[in-house]
Amino acid sequence: SGSYDDKKSFETLNDYLGRLEGKRPANRLFFFSVPPDVFGSVCSNVKAAACAPKGGWTRLLVEKPFGRDSQSFETLNSITSNCFTEDQLFRIDHYLGKEVVLNLAALRFGNQMFESFWNHEHIASIQLIFKEDLGTEGRGGYFDRSGIIRDIVQNHLMQVFLWLAMEPPQELQRDCLQQEKSELLKAITPLRLEDCFLGQFGSNTWTVDGIEHHEAGYLDEPGVPQNSRTPTFAAVVLRVNNDRWDGVPFLMHAGKGLDERKAEVRVTFKPKACNHCVPGDLNELVIRIQPDE
């Protein structure tokens, strides 16, 4: 144990790892399970005192959020890039490791049936839904600095959106994927305030079998300022200006303190003339991410 900004603590860590390695060639992978505001200090101290011995590689695995905005990202990126090369840095979103999200590549590009109607001629809308029935679970101070958009929408849901909507890459390799994802992001119409709905969950009281239950609201959570305007719920509409998705709205919903825990994608198809033969609702493809994926 030690301070994140204390070089001696990392020298102690290096000595400990050296004893475990027994002076043999070894690799070191550091997973940054630390507060985001100390990423820079930890990175600098790993470089200064805890890299793998000669003959082994050192890599850093950094979870989101990697900065709070463009300016803080540039500052943090400058620190990490000055310490390590790009092939030593892995900036990840753990949501991409979920089995259903991993399978989106096979759904899209390995399945001719789906890819043939994956466009505006057949699809009316796509919803990306993230719901939690809990509050901040003691993370009110952290959450209030980020909010539901930075915490969920611009990373977890955006990553799912990219796999759903990007053009087929030449190969499932990093550079090809990066190219297609970048092209898709450039094609999104910038959000306007009228495209967004924001809110906070409040307190709630209900009775079951004569027993009264009470649930605190967001402003009652420890660490949350009483005048906080940080959203715990957001609904936004993304529109993509390209041939494939012209006119198809992508609706993202994310919130805490809701009625259930659920994350899913709902692809709603346009009605066809043949549908009248079997009365029912519009055709939908539902991809359940959690729970019971």
Protein backbone atom coordinates (compact mmCIF):
# COMPACT_ATOMS: atom_id res chain seq x y z
CA SER A 1 0.00 0.00 0.00
CA GLY A 2 1.06 3.60 -0.52
CA SER A 3 0.20 6.91 -2.13
CA TYR A 4 -0.57 7.15 -5.83
CA ASP A 5 1.84 10.09 -6.20
CA ASP A 6 4.65 8.62 -4.08
CA LYS A 7 7.52 7.24 -6.16
CA LYS A 8 8.89 5.30 -3.18
CA SER A 9 5.64 3.32 -2.97
CA PHE A 10 6.15 2.19 -6.55
CA GLU A 11 9.77 1.31 -5.84
CA THR A 12 8.46 -0.92 -3.04
CA LEU A 13 5.97 -2.45 -5.48
CA ASN A 14 8.78 -3.05 -7.96
CA ASP A 15 10.86 -4.85 -5.30
CA TYR A 16 7.88 -7.03 -4.38
CA LEU A 17 7.21 -7.96 -8.00
CA GLY A 18 10.90 -8.69 -8.50
CA ARG A 19 10.83 -11.21 -5.65
CA LEU A 20 7.80 -12.92 -7.18
CA GLU A 21 9.49 -13.05 -10.59
CA GLY A 22 12.67 -14.51 -9.11
CA LYS A 23 14.92 -12.51 -11.45
CA ARG A 24 13.42 -14.35 -14.42
CA PRO A 25 12.24 -12.46 -17.55
CA ALA A 26 8.70 -11.34 -16.87
CA ASN A 27 5.93 -9.20 -18.32
CA ARG A 28 3.87 -6.68 -16.32
CA LEU A 29 0.31 -5.63 -17.08
CA PHE A 30 -1.06 -2.87 -14.85
CA PHE A 31 -4.85 -2.56 -14.64
CA PHE A 32 -5.76 0.90 -13.37
CA SER A 33 -8.48 0.15 -10.84
CA VAL A 34 -7.95 3.59 -9.32
CA PRO A 35 -9.83 6.92 -9.29
CA PRO A 36 -9.66 8.59 -12.72
CA ASP A 37 -8.08 11.76 -11.33
CA VAL A 38 -4.90 9.86 -10.36
CA PHE A 39 -4.35 8.06 -13.70
CA GLY A 40 -1.59 10.51 -14.59
CA SER A 41 0.31 10.12 -11.30
CA VAL A 42 0.12 6.33 -11.37
CA CYS A 43 1.23 6.21 -15.00
CA SER A 44 4.24 8.45 -14.33
CA ASN A 45 5.30 6.43 -11.29
CA VAL A 46 4.94 3.08 -13.05
CA LYS A 47 7.22 4.43 -15.77
CA ALA A 48 9.71 5.77 -13.26
CA ALA A 49 9.90 2.84 -10.86
CA ALA A 50 7.86 -0.26 -11.74
CA CYS A 51 8.34 -1.24 -15.39
CA ALA A 52 9.12 -4.86 -16.24
CA PRO A 53 12.79 -5.86 -16.11
CA LYS A 54 14.79 -6.10 -19.30
CA GLY A 55 13.41 -8.80 -21.60
CA GLY A 56 9.76 -8.29 -20.60
CA TRP A 57 7.04 -5.90 -21.70
CA THR A 58 5.01 -3.38 -19.69
CA ARG A 59 1.44 -2.52 -20.62
CA LEU A 60 -1.25 -0.35 -19.06
CA LEU A 61 -4.95 -1.17 -19.09
CA VAL A 62 -7.03 1.96 -18.42
CA GLU A 63 -10.80 1.89 -17.86
CA LYS A 64 -13.16 4.73 -18.72
CA PRO A 65 -13.53 7.58 -17.98
CA PHE A 66 -10.29 8.74 -19.58
CA GLY A 67 -10.72 12.42 -18.80
CA ARG A 68 -13.92 14.39 -18.24
CA ASP A 69 -13.88 16.49 -21.42
CA SER A 70 -11.64 17.27 -24.40
CA GLN A 71 -9.25 19.40 -22.36
CA SER A 72 -8.78 16.90 -19.52
CA PHE A 73 -8.43 14.08 -22.07
CA GLU A 74 -5.63 15.95 -23.85
CA THR A 75 -3.84 16.56 -20.55
CA LEU A 76 -4.10 12.92 -19.50
CA ASN A 77 -3.27 11.64 -22.96
CA SER A 78 -0.14 13.81 -23.00
CA ILE A 79 1.05 12.30 -19.71
CA THR A 80 0.44 8.69 -20.71
CA SER A 81 1.83 9.13 -24.23
CA ASN A 82 5.01 10.70 -22.89
CA CYS A 83 5.53 7.69 -20.64
CA PHE A 84 4.46 4.82 -22.88
CA THR A 85 4.04 4.14 -26.59
CA GLU A 86 0.59 3.67 -28.07
CA ASP A 87 1.00 -0.10 -28.39
CA GLN A 88 1.59 -0.27 -24.61
CA LEU A 89 -1.64 1.60 -23.75
CA PHE A 90 -5.07 -0.04 -23.77
CA ARG A 91 -8.01 2.30 -23.12
CA ILE A 92 -11.02 0.07 -22.67
CA ASP A 93 -14.73 0.06 -22.00
CA HIS A 94 -15.62 -3.12 -20.10
CA TYR A 95 -19.04 -3.16 -21.77
CA LEU A 96 -17.36 -4.44 -24.93
CA GLY A 97 -16.50 -7.59 -23.01
CA LYS A 98 -20.13 -8.59 -22.49
CA GLU A 99 -20.97 -11.72 -24.43
CA VAL A 100 -23.94 -10.24 -26.29
CA VAL A 101 -21.94 -7.17 -27.32
CA LEU A 102 -19.10 -9.39 -28.51
CA ASN A 103 -21.61 -11.30 -30.63
CA LEU A 104 -22.78 -8.16 -32.49
CA ALA A 105 -19.96 -8.66 -35.00
CA ALA A 106 -21.25 -12.13 -35.87
CA LEU A 107 -24.86 -10.89 -35.96
CA ARG A 108 -23.99 -8.08 -38.35
CA PHE A 109 -21.25 -9.42 -40.57
CA GLY A 110 -21.47 -13.20 -40.36
CA ASN A 111 -25.21 -13.43 -40.96
CA GLN A 112 -26.38 -12.61 -44.47
CA MET A 113 -30.04 -12.66 -43.44
CA PHE A 114 -29.63 -9.76 -41.01
CA GLU A 115 -27.18 -7.66 -42.98
CA SER A 116 -29.44 -7.67 -46.04
CA PHE A 117 -32.16 -5.65 -44.25
CA TRP A 118 -29.90 -3.66 -41.89
CA ASN A 119 -30.78 -0.27 -43.41
CA HIS A 120 -33.38 2.50 -43.64
CA GLU A 121 -35.47 0.64 -46.19
CA HIS A 122 -36.44 -1.98 -43.62
CA ILE A 123 -35.78 -0.47 -40.18
CA ALA A 124 -38.04 2.21 -38.67
CA SER A 125 -36.03 2.92 -35.48
CA ILE A 126 -33.44 1.48 -33.10
CA GLN A 127 -33.56 1.89 -29.32
CA LEU A 128 -30.60 1.41 -26.99
CA ILE A 129 -31.89 1.06 -23.43
CA PHE A 130 -29.99 0.99 -20.12
CA LYS A 131 -32.02 0.88 -16.90
CA GLU A 132 -30.93 0.35 -13.30
CA ASP A 133 -33.28 -0.04 -10.34
CA LEU A 134 -30.61 1.18 -7.90
CA GLY A 135 -29.26 4.60 -7.01
CA THR A 136 -25.58 5.46 -6.89
CA GLU A 137 -24.82 2.81 -4.21
CA GLY A 138 -22.49 5.05 -2.22
CA ARG A 139 -20.83 6.54 -5.33
CA GLY A 140 -22.80 9.78 -5.21
CA GLY A 141 -19.69 11.97 -5.07
CA TYR A 142 -18.17 10.35 -8.15
CA PHE A 143 -21.43 10.15 -10.06
CA ASP A 144 -22.28 13.79 -9.46
CA ARG A 145 -19.10 14.81 -11.29
CA SER A 146 -20.03 12.73 -14.32
CA GLY A 147 -23.79 12.18 -14.59
CA ILE A 148 -25.60 9.55 -16.59
CA ILE A 149 -24.43 10.89 -19.97
CA ARG A 150 -20.71 10.61 -19.22
CA ASP A 151 -21.17 7.48 -17.11
CA ILE A 152 -23.30 5.45 -19.51
CA VAL A 153 -24.43 7.16 -22.73
CA GLN A 154 -21.19 8.42 -24.25
CA ASN A 155 -19.29 5.18 -23.61
CA HIS A 156 -21.35 2.02 -22.97
CA LEU A 157 -24.30 2.84 -25.22
CA MET A 158 -22.14 4.61 -27.79
CA GLN A 159 -19.93 1.54 -28.16
CA VAL A 160 -22.98 -0.65 -28.76
CA PHE A 161 -24.32 1.93 -31.24
CA LEU A 162 -21.04 1.87 -33.18
CA TRP A 163 -21.16 -1.90 -33.64
CA LEU A 164 -24.82 -1.75 -34.63
CA ALA A 165 -24.54 1.06 -37.16
CA MET A 166 -21.05 1.17 -38.68
CA GLU A 167 -20.32 -0.02 -42.21
CA PRO A 168 -18.70 -3.46 -42.59
CA PRO A 169 -14.93 -3.03 -42.13
CA GLN A 170 -12.46 -4.53 -44.58
CA GLU A 171 -11.21 -6.74 -41.74
CA LEU A 172 -11.99 -7.15 -38.05
CA GLN A 173 -8.69 -5.49 -37.20
CA ARG A 174 -8.00 -2.40 -35.10
CA ASP A 175 -7.23 0.06 -37.89
CA CYS A 176 -10.17 -1.04 -40.05
CA LEU A 177 -12.60 -0.89 -37.12
CA GLN A 178 -11.28 2.50 -36.08
CA GLN A 179 -11.79 3.83 -39.60
CA GLU A 180 -15.43 2.72 -39.87
CA LYS A 181 -16.30 3.85 -36.35
CA SER A 182 -14.78 7.27 -37.03
CA GLU A 183 -16.74 7.64 -40.27
CA LEU A 184 -19.96 6.82 -38.44
CA LEU A 185 -19.28 9.34 -35.67
CA LYS A 186 -18.62 12.04 -38.27
CA ALA A 187 -21.99 11.30 -39.88
CA ILE A 188 -24.01 11.97 -36.69
CA THR A 189 -25.97 15.21 -36.62
CA PRO A 190 -24.82 17.27 -33.60
CA LEU A 191 -27.33 17.00 -30.75
CA ARG A 192 -29.60 19.92 -29.96
CA LEU A 193 -31.29 20.54 -26.63
CA GLU A 194 -34.67 19.61 -28.15
CA ASP A 195 -33.21 16.19 -29.00
CA CYS A 196 -32.59 15.47 -25.30
CA PHE A 197 -34.67 14.81 -22.18
CA LEU A 198 -32.89 14.92 -18.81
CA GLY A 199 -34.07 14.20 -15.27
CA GLN A 200 -33.23 13.07 -11.73
CA PHE A 201 -34.88 10.28 -9.77
CA GLY A 202 -36.73 11.42 -6.66
CA SER A 203 -37.72 9.68 -3.45
CA ASN A 204 -40.51 7.12 -3.50
CA THR A 205 -42.80 5.50 -0.96
CA TRP A 206 -45.03 2.48 -1.56
CA THR A 207 -46.90 -0.14 0.44
CA VAL A 208 -46.80 -3.92 -0.03
CA ASP A 209 -48.89 -6.22 2.20
CA GLY A 210 -49.45 -3.37 4.63
CA ILE A 211 -45.73 -2.65 4.97
CA GLU A 212 -44.52 0.78 3.88
CA HIS A 213 -41.29 0.97 1.92
CA HIS A 214 -39.25 4.11 1.27
CA GLU A 215 -36.53 4.74 -1.28
CA ALA A 216 -34.29 7.83 -1.09
CA GLY A 217 -34.05 10.23 -4.00
CA TYR A 218 -30.83 11.25 -5.73
CA LEU A 219 -30.45 14.44 -3.70
CA ASP A 220 -30.67 12.32 -0.53
CA GLU A 221 -27.66 10.21 -1.56
CA PRO A 222 -24.42 10.69 0.46
CA GLY A 223 -21.97 12.98 -1.32
CA VAL A 224 -24.56 14.60 -3.60
CA PRO A 225 -24.93 18.41 -3.21
CA GLN A 226 -28.46 19.53 -2.37
CA ASN A 227 -28.50 21.88 -5.36
CA SER A 228 -27.16 19.30 -7.83
CA ARG A 229 -28.56 19.44 -11.36
CA THR A 230 -26.62 16.37 -12.51
CA PRO A 231 -28.93 14.14 -14.58
CA THR A 232 -29.54 10.56 -13.50
CA PHE A 233 -31.74 9.95 -16.55
CA ALA A 234 -31.19 10.90 -20.17
CA ALA A 235 -33.03 10.17 -23.40
CA VAL A 236 -31.45 11.38 -26.63
CA VAL A 237 -32.09 10.92 -30.35
CA LEU A 238 -29.17 10.40 -32.72
CA ARG A 239 -29.57 10.84 -36.47
CA VAL A 240 -27.02 9.50 -38.93
CA ASN A 241 -26.52 11.25 -42.24
CA ASN A 242 -25.49 8.46 -44.58
CA ASP A 243 -27.10 6.24 -47.19
CA ARG A 244 -27.69 3.31 -44.84
CA TRP A 245 -29.41 5.15 -42.00
CA ASP A 246 -31.10 8.12 -43.64
CA GLY A 247 -34.26 8.91 -41.65
CA VAL A 248 -33.75 6.21 -38.97
CA PRO A 249 -33.71 7.60 -35.38
CA PHE A 250 -31.43 5.96 -32.83
CA LEU A 251 -33.04 6.50 -29.41
CA MET A 252 -30.81 6.12 -26.36
CA HIS A 253 -32.37 5.84 -22.89
CA ALA A 254 -30.25 5.52 -19.74
CA GLY A 255 -31.15 5.99 -16.11
CA LYS A 256 -30.68 5.04 -12.48
CA GLY A 257 -33.39 4.63 -9.84
CA LEU A 258 -35.86 3.20 -12.37
CA ASP A 259 -38.36 0.35 -12.18
CA GLU A 260 -36.06 -2.48 -13.30
CA ARG A 261 -32.53 -3.50 -14.23
CA LYS A 262 -32.28 -4.03 -17.96
CA ALA A 263 -30.05 -3.28 -20.93
CA GLU A 264 -31.17 -4.13 -24.43
CA VAL A 265 -31.36 -3.09 -28.06
CA ARG A 266 -34.74 -2.96 -29.81
CA VAL A 267 -34.69 -2.87 -33.60
CA THR A 268 -38.18 -1.99 -34.90
CA PHE A 269 -38.88 -2.88 -38.52
CA LYS A 270 -41.09 -1.06 -40.96
CA PRO A 271 -44.42 -2.79 -41.69
CA LYS A 272 -44.69 -4.72 -44.94
CA ALA A 273 -47.79 -5.51 -46.98
CA CYS A 274 -47.61 -9.18 -46.05
CA ASN A 275 -47.91 -8.42 -42.33
CA HIS A 276 -51.69 -8.15 -42.56
CA CYS A 277 -51.84 -11.94 -42.94
CA VAL A 278 -50.81 -12.37 -39.30
CA PRO A 279 -52.28 -9.63 -37.07
CA GLY A 280 -49.97 -8.35 -34.34
CA ASP A 281 -47.54 -5.66 -33.31
CA LEU A 282 -44.70 -4.34 -35.41
CA ASN A 283 -41.82 -6.76 -35.98
CA GLU A 284 -38.94 -6.22 -33.54
CA LEU A 285 -35.56 -7.78 -32.98
CA VAL A 286 -34.71 -7.55 -29.25
CA ILE A 287 -31.08 -8.06 -28.22
CA ARG A 288 -30.95 -8.46 -24.43
CA ILE A 289 -27.58 -7.46 -22.96
CA GLN A 290 -28.49 -7.85 -19.27
CA PRO A 291 -29.88 -9.61 -17.32
CA ASP A 292 -30.73 -13.04 -18.77
CA GLU A 293 -28.82 -12.33 -21.95
